[in-house]
Amino acid sequence: MPEQTSNLDPSLKRRFPRYQIDLRVDVSVFRSGRNVSLWGRSTELSEDGIGATMTGELETGEVVWIELTFPPPTRPLRMRALVRYREGLRHGMEFLARSPEQQQTLRQMCETLAASK
């Protein structure tokens, strides 16, 4: 059952609440002259970012392409994201330059998760 994730430090205000969710996450990054592809599982989602445990390490500050498919199976959502933090294989990524359709899809998924908690 999805839950809103609380902040560890109450002084850090988030623009959007986070919700627990388990989704496959596919990431590609251009590194050393070639595309590197990783996959992982999400741990939490908000309208402006996602937390995920990946099969390899991404570097803080890297801009990546991320692909998500929400249930029920829909067309994959593909957008750019900025890697904000990394702890081992756990990563936090902020979505960049979302189209209105992408933003609406993220908002609807978060509303669904909020209603089911």
PDB file of N, CA and C in Angstrom:
ATOM      1  N   MET A   1       0.836  -1.169   0.000  1.00  0.00           N
ATOM      2  CA  MET A   1       0.000   0.000   0.000  1.00  0.00           C
ATOM      3  C   MET A   1       0.890   1.245   0.000  1.00  0.00           C
ATOM      4  N   PRO A   2       0.718   2.165  -0.953  1.00  0.00           N
ATOM      5  CA  PRO A   2       1.588   3.330  -1.042  1.00  0.00           C
ATOM      6  C   PRO A   2       1.444   4.241   0.167  1.00  0.00           C
ATOM      7  N   GLU A   3       2.551   4.818   0.554  1.00  0.00           N
ATOM      8  CA  GLU A   3       2.541   5.773   1.653  1.00  0.00           C
ATOM      9  C   GLU A   3       3.339   6.987   1.243  1.00  0.00           C
ATOM     10  N   GLN A   4       2.954   8.131   1.764  1.00  0.00           N
ATOM     11  CA  GLN A   4       3.737   9.330   1.532  1.00  0.00           C
ATOM     12  C   GLN A   4       5.001   9.199   2.363  1.00  0.00           C
ATOM     13  N   THR A   5       6.147   9.433   1.755  1.00  0.00           N
ATOM     14  CA  THR A   5       7.420   9.338   2.448  1.00  0.00           C
ATOM     15  C   THR A   5       7.707  10.655   3.158  1.00  0.00           C
ATOM     16  N   SER A   6       8.088  10.588   4.403  1.00  0.00           N
ATOM     17  CA  SER A   6       8.374  11.819   5.148  1.00  0.00           C
ATOM     18  C   SER A   6       9.834  12.206   4.983  1.00  0.00           C
ATOM     19  N   ASN A   7      10.108  13.472   5.199  1.00  0.00           N
ATOM     20  CA  ASN A   7      11.476  13.980   5.133  1.00  0.00           C
ATOM     21  C   ASN A   7      12.236  13.571   6.374  1.00  0.00           C
ATOM     22  N   LEU A   8      13.508  13.297   6.214  1.00  0.00           N
ATOM     23  CA  LEU A   8      14.351  13.024   7.362  1.00  0.00           C
ATOM     24  C   LEU A   8      14.661  14.305   8.119  1.00  0.00           C
ATOM     25  N   ASP A   9      14.832  15.393   7.379  1.00  0.00           N
ATOM     26  CA  ASP A   9      15.134  16.690   7.975  1.00  0.00           C
ATOM     27  C   ASP A   9      13.933  17.607   7.744  1.00  0.00           C
ATOM     28  N   PRO A  10      13.174  17.940   8.798  1.00  0.00           N
ATOM     29  CA  PRO A  10      11.979  18.754   8.610  1.00  0.00           C
ATOM     30  C   PRO A  10      12.253  20.142   8.038  1.00  0.00           C
ATOM     31  N   SER A  11      13.505  20.605   8.088  1.00  0.00           N
ATOM     32  CA  SER A  11      13.813  21.924   7.541  1.00  0.00           C
ATOM     33  C   SER A  11      13.866  21.895   6.007  1.00  0.00           C
ATOM     34  N   LEU A  12      13.934  20.697   5.424  1.00  0.00           N
ATOM     35  CA  LEU A  12      13.960  20.564   3.971  1.00  0.00           C
ATOM     36  C   LEU A  12      12.528  20.401   3.472  1.00  0.00           C
ATOM     37  N   LYS A  13      12.006  21.445   2.868  1.00  0.00           N
ATOM     38  CA  LYS A  13      10.634  21.419   2.361  1.00  0.00           C
ATOM     39  C   LYS A  13      10.634  20.893   0.928  1.00  0.00           C
ATOM     40  N   ARG A  14       9.701  20.012   0.630  1.00  0.00           N
ATOM     41  CA  ARG A  14       9.547  19.478  -0.716  1.00  0.00           C
ATOM     42  C   ARG A  14       8.362  20.144  -1.383  1.00  0.00           C
ATOM     43  N   ARG A  15       8.472  20.346  -2.686  1.00  0.00           N
ATOM     44  CA  ARG A  15       7.372  20.960  -3.427  1.00  0.00           C
ATOM     45  C   ARG A  15       6.193  20.010  -3.569  1.00  0.00           C
ATOM     46  N   PHE A  16       6.480  18.706  -3.680  1.00  0.00           N
ATOM     47  CA  PHE A  16       5.443  17.706  -3.884  1.00  0.00           C
ATOM     48  C   PHE A  16       5.660  16.536  -2.936  1.00  0.00           C
ATOM     49  N   PRO A  17       4.578  15.939  -2.433  1.00  0.00           N
ATOM     50  CA  PRO A  17       4.732  14.759  -1.581  1.00  0.00           C
ATOM     51  C   PRO A  17       5.274  13.577  -2.383  1.00  0.00           C
ATOM     52  N   ARG A  18       5.906  12.667  -1.672  1.00  0.00           N
ATOM     53  CA  ARG A  18       6.460  11.459  -2.284  1.00  0.00           C
ATOM     54  C   ARG A  18       5.616  10.271  -1.865  1.00  0.00           C
ATOM     55  N   TYR A  19       5.509   9.312  -2.782  1.00  0.00           N
ATOM     56  CA  TYR A  19       4.713   8.115  -2.535  1.00  0.00           C
ATOM     57  C   TYR A  19       5.521   6.875  -2.884  1.00  0.00           C
ATOM     58  N   GLN A  20       5.398   5.850  -2.061  1.00  0.00           N
ATOM     59  CA  GLN A  20       6.083   4.593  -2.336  1.00  0.00           C
ATOM     60  C   GLN A  20       5.445   3.927  -3.544  1.00  0.00           C
ATOM     61  N   ILE A  21       6.307   3.420  -4.430  1.00  0.00           N
ATOM     62  CA  ILE A  21       5.837   2.722  -5.627  1.00  0.00           C
ATOM     63  C   ILE A  21       6.968   1.840  -6.142  1.00  0.00           C
ATOM     64  N   ASP A  22       6.613   0.682  -6.654  1.00  0.00           N
ATOM     65  CA  ASP A  22       7.591  -0.254  -7.208  1.00  0.00           C
ATOM     66  C   ASP A  22       7.344  -0.371  -8.707  1.00  0.00           C
ATOM     67  N   LEU A  23       8.214   0.254  -9.487  1.00  0.00           N
ATOM     68  CA  LEU A  23       8.139   0.230 -10.946  1.00  0.00           C
ATOM     69  C   LEU A  23       9.502  -0.108 -11.519  1.00  0.00           C
ATOM     70  N   ARG A  24       9.517  -0.706 -12.684  1.00  0.00           N
ATOM     71  CA  ARG A  24      10.785  -0.848 -13.395  1.00  0.00           C
ATOM     72  C   ARG A  24      11.192   0.530 -13.910  1.00  0.00           C
ATOM     73  N   VAL A  25      12.467   0.844 -13.789  1.00  0.00           N
ATOM     74  CA  VAL A  25      13.024   2.121 -14.239  1.00  0.00           C
ATOM     75  C   VAL A  25      14.175   1.804 -15.190  1.00  0.00           C
ATOM     76  N   ASP A  26      14.099   2.324 -16.402  1.00  0.00           N
ATOM     77  CA  ASP A  26      15.183   2.174 -17.372  1.00  0.00           C
ATOM     78  C   ASP A  26      15.849   3.530 -17.544  1.00  0.00           C
ATOM     79  N   VAL A  27      17.173   3.544 -17.455  1.00  0.00           N
ATOM     80  CA  VAL A  27      17.931   4.789 -17.537  1.00  0.00           C
ATOM     81  C   VAL A  27      19.042   4.628 -18.561  1.00  0.00           C
ATOM     82  N   SER A  28      19.254   5.669 -19.362  1.00  0.00           N
ATOM     83  CA  SER A  28      20.419   5.688 -20.248  1.00  0.00           C
ATOM     84  C   SER A  28      21.136   7.017 -20.052  1.00  0.00           C
ATOM     85  N   VAL A  29      22.451   6.937 -20.136  1.00  0.00           N
ATOM     86  CA  VAL A  29      23.286   8.117 -19.959  1.00  0.00           C
ATOM     87  C   VAL A  29      24.426   8.042 -20.970  1.00  0.00           C
ATOM     88  N   PHE A  30      24.781   9.188 -21.541  1.00  0.00           N
ATOM     89  CA  PHE A  30      25.907   9.259 -22.478  1.00  0.00           C
ATOM     90  C   PHE A  30      27.161   9.514 -21.654  1.00  0.00           C
ATOM     91  N   ARG A  31      28.086   8.554 -21.686  1.00  0.00           N
ATOM     92  CA  ARG A  31      29.277   8.626 -20.846  1.00  0.00           C
ATOM     93  C   ARG A  31      30.477   8.076 -21.623  1.00  0.00           C
ATOM     94  N   SER A  32      31.576   8.788 -21.603  1.00  0.00           N
ATOM     95  CA  SER A  32      32.816   8.350 -22.264  1.00  0.00           C
ATOM     96  C   SER A  32      32.596   7.991 -23.729  1.00  0.00           C
ATOM     97  N   GLY A  33      31.787   8.804 -24.423  1.00  0.00           N
ATOM     98  CA  GLY A  33      31.593   8.606 -25.845  1.00  0.00           C
ATOM     99  C   GLY A  33      30.617   7.511 -26.233  1.00  0.00           C
ATOM    100  N   ARG A  34      29.889   6.954 -25.263  1.00  0.00           N
ATOM    101  CA  ARG A  34      28.922   5.911 -25.603  1.00  0.00           C
ATOM    102  C   ARG A  34      27.733   5.961 -24.661  1.00  0.00           C
ATOM    103  N   ASN A  35      26.631   5.373 -25.109  1.00  0.00           N
ATOM    104  CA  ASN A  35      25.445   5.283 -24.261  1.00  0.00           C
ATOM    105  C   ASN A  35      25.579   4.112 -23.306  1.00  0.00           C
ATOM    106  N   VAL A  36      25.282   4.365 -22.049  1.00  0.00           N
ATOM    107  CA  VAL A  36      25.286   3.334 -21.017  1.00  0.00           C
ATOM    108  C   VAL A  36      23.840   3.167 -20.564  1.00  0.00           C
ATOM    109  N   SER A  37      23.362   1.923 -20.537  1.00  0.00           N
ATOM    110  CA  SER A  37      21.998   1.644 -20.117  1.00  0.00           C
ATOM    111  C   SER A  37      22.001   0.880 -18.802  1.00  0.00           C
ATOM    112  N   LEU A  38      21.125   1.311 -17.887  1.00  0.00           N
ATOM    113  CA  LEU A  38      20.943   0.659 -16.592  1.00  0.00           C
ATOM    114  C   LEU A  38      19.451   0.460 -16.374  1.00  0.00           C
ATOM    115  N   TRP A  39      19.116  -0.437 -15.494  1.00  0.00           N
ATOM    116  CA  TRP A  39      17.723  -0.572 -15.094  1.00  0.00           C
ATOM    117  C   TRP A  39      17.691  -0.729 -13.585  1.00  0.00           C
ATOM    118  N   GLY A  40      16.516  -0.561 -13.041  1.00  0.00           N
ATOM    119  CA  GLY A  40      16.357  -0.694 -11.601  1.00  0.00           C
ATOM    120  C   GLY A  40      14.902  -0.716 -11.215  1.00  0.00           C
ATOM    121  N   ARG A  41      14.645  -0.531  -9.911  1.00  0.00           N
ATOM    122  CA  ARG A  41      13.294  -0.507  -9.364  1.00  0.00           C
ATOM    123  C   ARG A  41      13.124   0.782  -8.589  1.00  0.00           C
ATOM    124  N   SER A  42      11.964   1.408  -8.782  1.00  0.00           N
ATOM    125  CA  SER A  42      11.684   2.644  -8.058  1.00  0.00           C
ATOM    126  C   SER A  42      11.352   2.333  -6.600  1.00  0.00           C
ATOM    127  N   THR A  43      11.588   3.311  -5.752  1.00  0.00           N
ATOM    128  CA  THR A  43      11.214   3.205  -4.343  1.00  0.00           C
ATOM    129  C   THR A  43      10.167   4.242  -3.984  1.00  0.00           C
ATOM    130  N   GLU A  44      10.229   5.403  -4.639  1.00  0.00           N
ATOM    131  CA  GLU A  44       9.273   6.471  -4.372  1.00  0.00           C
ATOM    132  C   GLU A  44       9.144   7.360  -5.596  1.00  0.00           C
ATOM    133  N   LEU A  45       7.993   8.049  -5.667  1.00  0.00           N
ATOM    134  CA  LEU A  45       7.688   8.897  -6.813  1.00  0.00           C
ATOM    135  C   LEU A  45       7.020  10.169  -6.322  1.00  0.00           C
ATOM    136  N   SER A  46       7.333  11.283  -6.982  1.00  0.00           N
ATOM    137  CA  SER A  46       6.611  12.533  -6.772  1.00  0.00           C
ATOM    138  C   SER A  46       6.391  13.145  -8.153  1.00  0.00           C
ATOM    139  N   GLU A  47       5.706  14.264  -8.194  1.00  0.00           N
ATOM    140  CA  GLU A  47       5.467  14.911  -9.486  1.00  0.00           C
ATOM    141  C   GLU A  47       6.746  15.458 -10.104  1.00  0.00           C
ATOM    142  N   ASP A  48       7.781  15.640  -9.290  1.00  0.00           N
ATOM    143  CA  ASP A  48       9.003  16.210  -9.853  1.00  0.00           C
ATOM    144  C   ASP A  48      10.238  15.323  -9.747  1.00  0.00           C
ATOM    145  N   GLY A  49      10.067  14.060  -9.330  1.00  0.00           N
ATOM    146  CA  GLY A  49      11.235  13.201  -9.266  1.00  0.00           C
ATOM    147  C   GLY A  49      10.920  11.790  -8.838  1.00  0.00           C
ATOM    148  N   ILE A  50      11.976  10.973  -8.802  1.00  0.00           N
ATOM    149  CA  ILE A  50      11.830   9.564  -8.466  1.00  0.00           C
ATOM    150  C   ILE A  50      13.070   9.091  -7.724  1.00  0.00           C
ATOM    151  N   GLY A  51      12.874   8.186  -6.798  1.00  0.00           N
ATOM    152  CA  GLY A  51      13.966   7.500  -6.129  1.00  0.00           C
ATOM    153  C   GLY A  51      14.004   6.078  -6.645  1.00  0.00           C
ATOM    154  N   ALA A  52      15.189   5.558  -6.926  1.00  0.00           N
ATOM    155  CA  ALA A  52      15.288   4.215  -7.490  1.00  0.00           C
ATOM    156  C   ALA A  52      16.605   3.565  -7.098  1.00  0.00           C
ATOM    157  N   THR A  53      16.564   2.249  -6.989  1.00  0.00           N
ATOM    158  CA  THR A  53      17.771   1.445  -6.806  1.00  0.00           C
ATOM    159  C   THR A  53      18.115   0.881  -8.175  1.00  0.00           C
ATOM    160  N   MET A  54      19.315   1.205  -8.658  1.00  0.00           N
ATOM    161  CA  MET A  54      19.716   0.865 -10.020  1.00  0.00           C
ATOM    162  C   MET A  54      20.720  -0.287 -10.025  1.00  0.00           C
ATOM    163  N   THR A  55      20.943  -0.870 -11.202  1.00  0.00           N
ATOM    164  CA  THR A  55      21.898  -1.966 -11.352  1.00  0.00           C
ATOM    165  C   THR A  55      23.341  -1.491 -11.451  1.00  0.00           C
ATOM    166  N   GLY A  56      23.535  -0.192 -11.522  1.00  0.00           N
ATOM    167  CA  GLY A  56      24.875   0.391 -11.582  1.00  0.00           C
ATOM    168  C   GLY A  56      24.817   1.796 -11.032  1.00  0.00           C
ATOM    169  N   GLU A  57      25.974   2.440 -10.965  1.00  0.00           N
ATOM    170  CA  GLU A  57      26.044   3.771 -10.365  1.00  0.00           C
ATOM    171  C   GLU A  57      25.907   4.875 -11.405  1.00  0.00           C
ATOM    172  N   LEU A  58      25.121   5.869 -11.039  1.00  0.00           N
ATOM    173  CA  LEU A  58      25.035   7.122 -11.782  1.00  0.00           C
ATOM    174  C   LEU A  58      25.743   8.164 -10.942  1.00  0.00           C
ATOM    175  N   GLU A  59      26.289   9.171 -11.576  1.00  0.00           N
ATOM    176  CA  GLU A  59      26.999  10.210 -10.848  1.00  0.00           C
ATOM    177  C   GLU A  59      26.082  11.386 -10.547  1.00  0.00           C
ATOM    178  N   THR A  60      26.200  11.933  -9.346  1.00  0.00           N
ATOM    179  CA  THR A  60      25.453  13.129  -8.991  1.00  0.00           C
ATOM    180  C   THR A  60      25.771  14.217 -10.011  1.00  0.00           C
ATOM    181  N   GLY A  61      24.728  14.872 -10.535  1.00  0.00           N
ATOM    182  CA  GLY A  61      24.904  15.920 -11.530  1.00  0.00           C
ATOM    183  C   GLY A  61      24.760  15.451 -12.966  1.00  0.00           C
ATOM    184  N   GLU A  62      24.762  14.138 -13.207  1.00  0.00           N
ATOM    185  CA  GLU A  62      24.575  13.638 -14.566  1.00  0.00           C
ATOM    186  C   GLU A  62      23.133  13.865 -15.016  1.00  0.00           C
ATOM    187  N   VAL A  63      22.966  14.162 -16.286  1.00  0.00           N
ATOM    188  CA  VAL A  63      21.639  14.243 -16.888  1.00  0.00           C
ATOM    189  C   VAL A  63      21.427  12.933 -17.636  1.00  0.00           C
ATOM    190  N   VAL A  64      20.303  12.282 -17.348  1.00  0.00           N
ATOM    191  CA  VAL A  64      20.022  10.965 -17.895  1.00  0.00           C
ATOM    192  C   VAL A  64      18.658  10.979 -18.595  1.00  0.00           C
ATOM    193  N   TRP A  65      18.413   9.974 -19.410  1.00  0.00           N
ATOM    194  CA  TRP A  65      17.084   9.699 -19.946  1.00  0.00           C
ATOM    195  C   TRP A  65      16.495   8.601 -19.084  1.00  0.00           C
ATOM    196  N   ILE A  66      15.272   8.809 -18.627  1.00  0.00           N
ATOM    197  CA  ILE A  66      14.610   7.838 -17.774  1.00  0.00           C
ATOM    198  C   ILE A  66      13.310   7.416 -18.444  1.00  0.00           C
ATOM    199  N   GLU A  67      12.993   6.128 -18.347  1.00  0.00           N
ATOM    200  CA  GLU A  67      11.756   5.614 -18.932  1.00  0.00           C
ATOM    201  C   GLU A  67      10.990   4.836 -17.870  1.00  0.00           C
ATOM    202  N   LEU A  68       9.704   5.177 -17.715  1.00  0.00           N
ATOM    203  CA  LEU A  68       8.824   4.547 -16.721  1.00  0.00           C
ATOM    204  C   LEU A  68       7.560   4.074 -17.427  1.00  0.00           C
ATOM    205  N   THR A  69       7.019   2.951 -16.988  1.00  0.00           N
ATOM    206  CA  THR A  69       5.722   2.496 -17.470  1.00  0.00           C
ATOM    207  C   THR A  69       4.841   2.283 -16.255  1.00  0.00           C
ATOM    208  N   PHE A  70       3.772   3.074 -16.168  1.00  0.00           N
ATOM    209  CA  PHE A  70       2.858   2.994 -15.039  1.00  0.00           C
ATOM    210  C   PHE A  70       1.786   1.941 -15.291  1.00  0.00           C
ATOM    211  N   PRO A  71       1.269   1.326 -14.215  1.00  0.00           N
ATOM    212  CA  PRO A  71       0.157   0.395 -14.387  1.00  0.00           C
ATOM    213  C   PRO A  71      -1.141   1.174 -14.580  1.00  0.00           C
ATOM    214  N   PRO A  72      -2.170   0.642 -15.229  1.00  0.00           N
ATOM    215  CA  PRO A  72      -2.055  -0.562 -16.055  1.00  0.00           C
ATOM    216  C   PRO A  72      -1.096  -0.257 -17.195  1.00  0.00           C
ATOM    217  N   PRO A  73      -0.516  -1.271 -17.819  1.00  0.00           N
ATOM    218  CA  PRO A  73       0.490  -0.980 -18.845  1.00  0.00           C
ATOM    219  C   PRO A  73       0.013   0.105 -19.803  1.00  0.00           C
ATOM    220  N   THR A  74       0.798   1.166 -19.823  1.00  0.00           N
ATOM    221  CA  THR A  74       0.527   2.301 -20.691  1.00  0.00           C
ATOM    222  C   THR A  74       1.754   2.542 -21.552  1.00  0.00           C
ATOM    223  N   ARG A  75       1.651   3.502 -22.410  1.00  0.00           N
ATOM    224  CA  ARG A  75       2.816   3.879 -23.213  1.00  0.00           C
ATOM    225  C   ARG A  75       3.897   4.387 -22.265  1.00  0.00           C
ATOM    226  N   PRO A  76       5.141   3.961 -22.441  1.00  0.00           N
ATOM    227  CA  PRO A  76       6.203   4.407 -21.536  1.00  0.00           C
ATOM    228  C   PRO A  76       6.349   5.928 -21.514  1.00  0.00           C
ATOM    229  N   LEU A  77       6.643   6.451 -20.341  1.00  0.00           N
ATOM    230  CA  LEU A  77       6.900   7.869 -20.145  1.00  0.00           C
ATOM    231  C   LEU A  77       8.416   8.037 -20.186  1.00  0.00           C
ATOM    232  N   ARG A  78       8.923   8.785 -21.170  1.00  0.00           N
ATOM    233  CA  ARG A  78      10.370   8.960 -21.338  1.00  0.00           C
ATOM    234  C   ARG A  78      10.699  10.434 -21.215  1.00  0.00           C
ATOM    235  N   MET A  79      11.595  10.754 -20.267  1.00  0.00           N
ATOM    236  CA  MET A  79      11.980  12.148 -20.069  1.00  0.00           C
ATOM    237  C   MET A  79      13.395  12.237 -19.514  1.00  0.00           C
ATOM    238  N   ARG A  80      13.906  13.433 -19.520  1.00  0.00           N
ATOM    239  CA  ARG A  80      15.241  13.662 -18.966  1.00  0.00           C
ATOM    240  C   ARG A  80      15.128  13.889 -17.468  1.00  0.00           C
ATOM    241  N   ALA A  81      16.198  13.533 -16.757  1.00  0.00           N
ATOM    242  CA  ALA A  81      16.240  13.725 -15.308  1.00  0.00           C
ATOM    243  C   ALA A  81      17.671  14.061 -14.896  1.00  0.00           C
ATOM    244  N   LEU A  82      17.768  14.779 -13.807  1.00  0.00           N
ATOM    245  CA  LEU A  82      19.049  15.148 -13.210  1.00  0.00           C
ATOM    246  C   LEU A  82      19.271  14.284 -11.984  1.00  0.00           C
ATOM    247  N   VAL A  83      20.421  13.635 -11.893  1.00  0.00           N
ATOM    248  CA  VAL A  83      20.740  12.816 -10.717  1.00  0.00           C
ATOM    249  C   VAL A  83      21.095  13.773  -9.584  1.00  0.00           C
ATOM    250  N   ARG A  84      20.265  13.797  -8.552  1.00  0.00           N
ATOM    251  CA  ARG A  84      20.444  14.710  -7.420  1.00  0.00           C
ATOM    252  C   ARG A  84      21.279  14.111  -6.301  1.00  0.00           C
ATOM    253  N   TYR A  85      21.153  12.800  -6.074  1.00  0.00           N
ATOM    254  CA  TYR A  85      21.974  12.167  -5.038  1.00  0.00           C
ATOM    255  C   TYR A  85      22.186  10.707  -5.366  1.00  0.00           C
ATOM    256  N   ARG A  86      23.204  10.151  -4.716  1.00  0.00           N
ATOM    257  CA  ARG A  86      23.500   8.726  -4.842  1.00  0.00           C
ATOM    258  C   ARG A  86      24.046   8.235  -3.520  1.00  0.00           C
ATOM    259  N   GLU A  87      23.497   7.132  -3.068  1.00  0.00           N
ATOM    260  CA  GLU A  87      24.027   6.392  -1.911  1.00  0.00           C
ATOM    261  C   GLU A  87      24.194   4.966  -2.373  1.00  0.00           C
ATOM    262  N   GLY A  88      25.394   4.585  -2.770  1.00  0.00           N
ATOM    263  CA  GLY A  88      25.599   3.251  -3.332  1.00  0.00           C
ATOM    264  C   GLY A  88      24.818   3.133  -4.626  1.00  0.00           C
ATOM    265  N   LEU A  89      23.874   2.193  -4.678  1.00  0.00           N
ATOM    266  CA  LEU A  89      23.065   2.003  -5.876  1.00  0.00           C
ATOM    267  C   LEU A  89      21.712   2.714  -5.789  1.00  0.00           C
ATOM    268  N   ARG A  90      21.448   3.386  -4.668  1.00  0.00           N
ATOM    269  CA  ARG A  90      20.212   4.182  -4.518  1.00  0.00           C
ATOM    270  C   ARG A  90      20.442   5.564  -5.097  1.00  0.00           C
ATOM    271  N   HIS A  91      19.481   6.027  -5.900  1.00  0.00           N
ATOM    272  CA  HIS A  91      19.609   7.310  -6.577  1.00  0.00           C
ATOM    273  C   HIS A  91      18.335   8.117  -6.448  1.00  0.00           C
ATOM    274  N   GLY A  92      18.479   9.424  -6.402  1.00  0.00           N
ATOM    275  CA  GLY A  92      17.349  10.338  -6.458  1.00  0.00           C
ATOM    276  C   GLY A  92      17.494  11.171  -7.712  1.00  0.00           C
ATOM    277  N   MET A  93      16.438  11.207  -8.523  1.00  0.00           N
ATOM    278  CA  MET A  93      16.493  11.920  -9.797  1.00  0.00           C
ATOM    279  C   MET A  93      15.348  12.914  -9.906  1.00  0.00           C
ATOM    280  N   GLU A  94      15.663  14.112 -10.365  1.00  0.00           N
ATOM    281  CA  GLU A  94      14.668  15.163 -10.562  1.00  0.00           C
ATOM    282  C   GLU A  94      14.325  15.242 -12.043  1.00  0.00           C
ATOM    283  N   PHE A  95      13.025  15.163 -12.357  1.00  0.00           N
ATOM    284  CA  PHE A  95      12.590  15.243 -13.748  1.00  0.00           C
ATOM    285  C   PHE A  95      12.848  16.651 -14.283  1.00  0.00           C
ATOM    286  N   LEU A  96      13.293  16.734 -15.534  1.00  0.00           N
ATOM    287  CA  LEU A  96      13.593  18.008 -16.186  1.00  0.00           C
ATOM    288  C   LEU A  96      12.657  18.233 -17.368  1.00  0.00           C
ATOM    289  N   ALA A  97      12.338  19.467 -17.654  1.00  0.00           N
ATOM    290  CA  ALA A  97      11.621  19.884 -18.867  1.00  0.00           C
ATOM    291  C   ALA A  97      10.491  18.937 -19.263  1.00  0.00           C
ATOM    292  N   ARG A  98       9.531  18.772 -18.380  1.00  0.00           N
ATOM    293  CA  ARG A  98       8.391  17.905 -18.664  1.00  0.00           C
ATOM    294  C   ARG A  98       7.399  18.604 -19.590  1.00  0.00           C
ATOM    295  N   SER A  99       6.864  17.842 -20.515  1.00  0.00           N
ATOM    296  CA  SER A  99       5.798  18.383 -21.365  1.00  0.00           C
ATOM    297  C   SER A  99       4.513  18.424 -20.531  1.00  0.00           C
ATOM    298  N   PRO A 100       3.507  19.187 -20.971  1.00  0.00           N
ATOM    299  CA  PRO A 100       2.238  19.189 -20.234  1.00  0.00           C
ATOM    300  C   PRO A 100       1.631  17.784 -20.109  1.00  0.00           C
ATOM    301  N   GLU A 101       1.770  16.965 -21.135  1.00  0.00           N
ATOM    302  CA  GLU A 101       1.243  15.599 -21.087  1.00  0.00           C
ATOM    303  C   GLU A 101       1.999  14.750 -20.062  1.00  0.00           C
ATOM    304  N   GLN A 102       3.318  14.889 -20.025  1.00  0.00           N
ATOM    305  CA  GLN A 102       4.113  14.150 -19.038  1.00  0.00           C
ATOM    306  C   GLN A 102       3.757  14.599 -17.624  1.00  0.00           C
ATOM    307  N   GLN A 103       3.620  15.906 -17.432  1.00  0.00           N
ATOM    308  CA  GLN A 103       3.271  16.426 -16.114  1.00  0.00           C
ATOM    309  C   GLN A 103       1.900  15.908 -15.679  1.00  0.00           C
ATOM    310  N   GLN A 104       0.955  15.866 -16.603  1.00  0.00           N
ATOM    311  CA  GLN A 104      -0.385  15.367 -16.288  1.00  0.00           C
ATOM    312  C   GLN A 104      -0.341  13.884 -15.911  1.00  0.00           C
ATOM    313  N   THR A 105       0.448  13.090 -16.630  1.00  0.00           N
ATOM    314  CA  THR A 105       0.591  11.668 -16.319  1.00  0.00           C
ATOM    315  C   THR A 105       1.171  11.478 -14.924  1.00  0.00           C
ATOM    316  N   LEU A 106       2.209  12.237 -14.588  1.00  0.00           N
ATOM    317  CA  LEU A 106       2.816  12.151 -13.256  1.00  0.00           C
ATOM    318  C   LEU A 106       1.819  12.576 -12.177  1.00  0.00           C
ATOM    319  N   ARG A 107       1.092  13.658 -12.415  1.00  0.00           N
ATOM    320  CA  ARG A 107       0.111  14.139 -11.443  1.00  0.00           C
ATOM    321  C   ARG A 107      -0.977  13.082 -11.211  1.00  0.00           C
ATOM    322  N   GLN A 108      -1.479  12.491 -12.288  1.00  0.00           N
ATOM    323  CA  GLN A 108      -2.521  11.468 -12.152  1.00  0.00           C
ATOM    324  C   GLN A 108      -2.029  10.251 -11.383  1.00  0.00           C
ATOM    325  N   MET A 109      -0.800   9.840 -11.640  1.00  0.00           N
ATOM    326  CA  MET A 109      -0.246   8.675 -10.926  1.00  0.00           C
ATOM    327  C   MET A 109      -0.101   8.995  -9.451  1.00  0.00           C
ATOM    328  N   CYS A 110       0.377  10.181  -9.118  1.00  0.00           N
ATOM    329  CA  CYS A 110       0.522  10.572  -7.707  1.00  0.00           C
ATOM    330  C   CYS A 110      -0.845  10.681  -7.034  1.00  0.00           C
ATOM    331  N   GLU A 111      -1.848  11.198  -7.746  1.00  0.00           N
ATOM    332  CA  GLU A 111      -3.197  11.273  -7.183  1.00  0.00           C
ATOM    333  C   GLU A 111      -3.749   9.874  -6.918  1.00  0.00           C
ATOM    334  N   THR A 112      -3.484   8.937  -7.828  1.00  0.00           N
ATOM    335  CA  THR A 112      -3.922   7.548  -7.637  1.00  0.00           C
ATOM    336  C   THR A 112      -3.247   6.946  -6.415  1.00  0.00           C
ATOM    337  N   LEU A 113      -1.942   7.183  -6.271  1.00  0.00           N
ATOM    338  CA  LEU A 113      -1.206   6.653  -5.114  1.00  0.00           C
ATOM    339  C   LEU A 113      -1.710   7.286  -3.816  1.00  0.00           C
ATOM    340  N   ALA A 114      -1.994   8.573  -3.833  1.00  0.00           N
ATOM    341  CA  ALA A 114      -2.503   9.253  -2.638  1.00  0.00           C
ATOM    342  C   ALA A 114      -3.865   8.701  -2.236  1.00  0.00           C
ATOM    343  N   ALA A 115      -4.721   8.431  -3.216  1.00  0.00           N
ATOM    344  CA  ALA A 115      -6.077   7.931  -2.928  1.00  0.00           C
ATOM    345  C   ALA A 115      -6.064   6.507  -2.397  1.00  0.00           C
ATOM    346  N   SER A 116      -5.010   5.739  -2.712  1.00  0.00           N
ATOM    347  CA  SER A 116      -4.981   4.346  -2.299  1.00  0.00           C
ATOM    348  C   SER A 116      -4.235   4.094  -0.993  1.00  0.00           C
ATOM    349  N   LYS A 117      -3.778   5.169  -0.342  1.00  0.00           N
ATOM    350  CA  LYS A 117      -3.055   4.955   0.923  1.00  0.00           C
ATOM    351  C   LYS A 117      -3.951   4.828   2.116  1.00  0.00           C
TER     352      LYS A 117
END
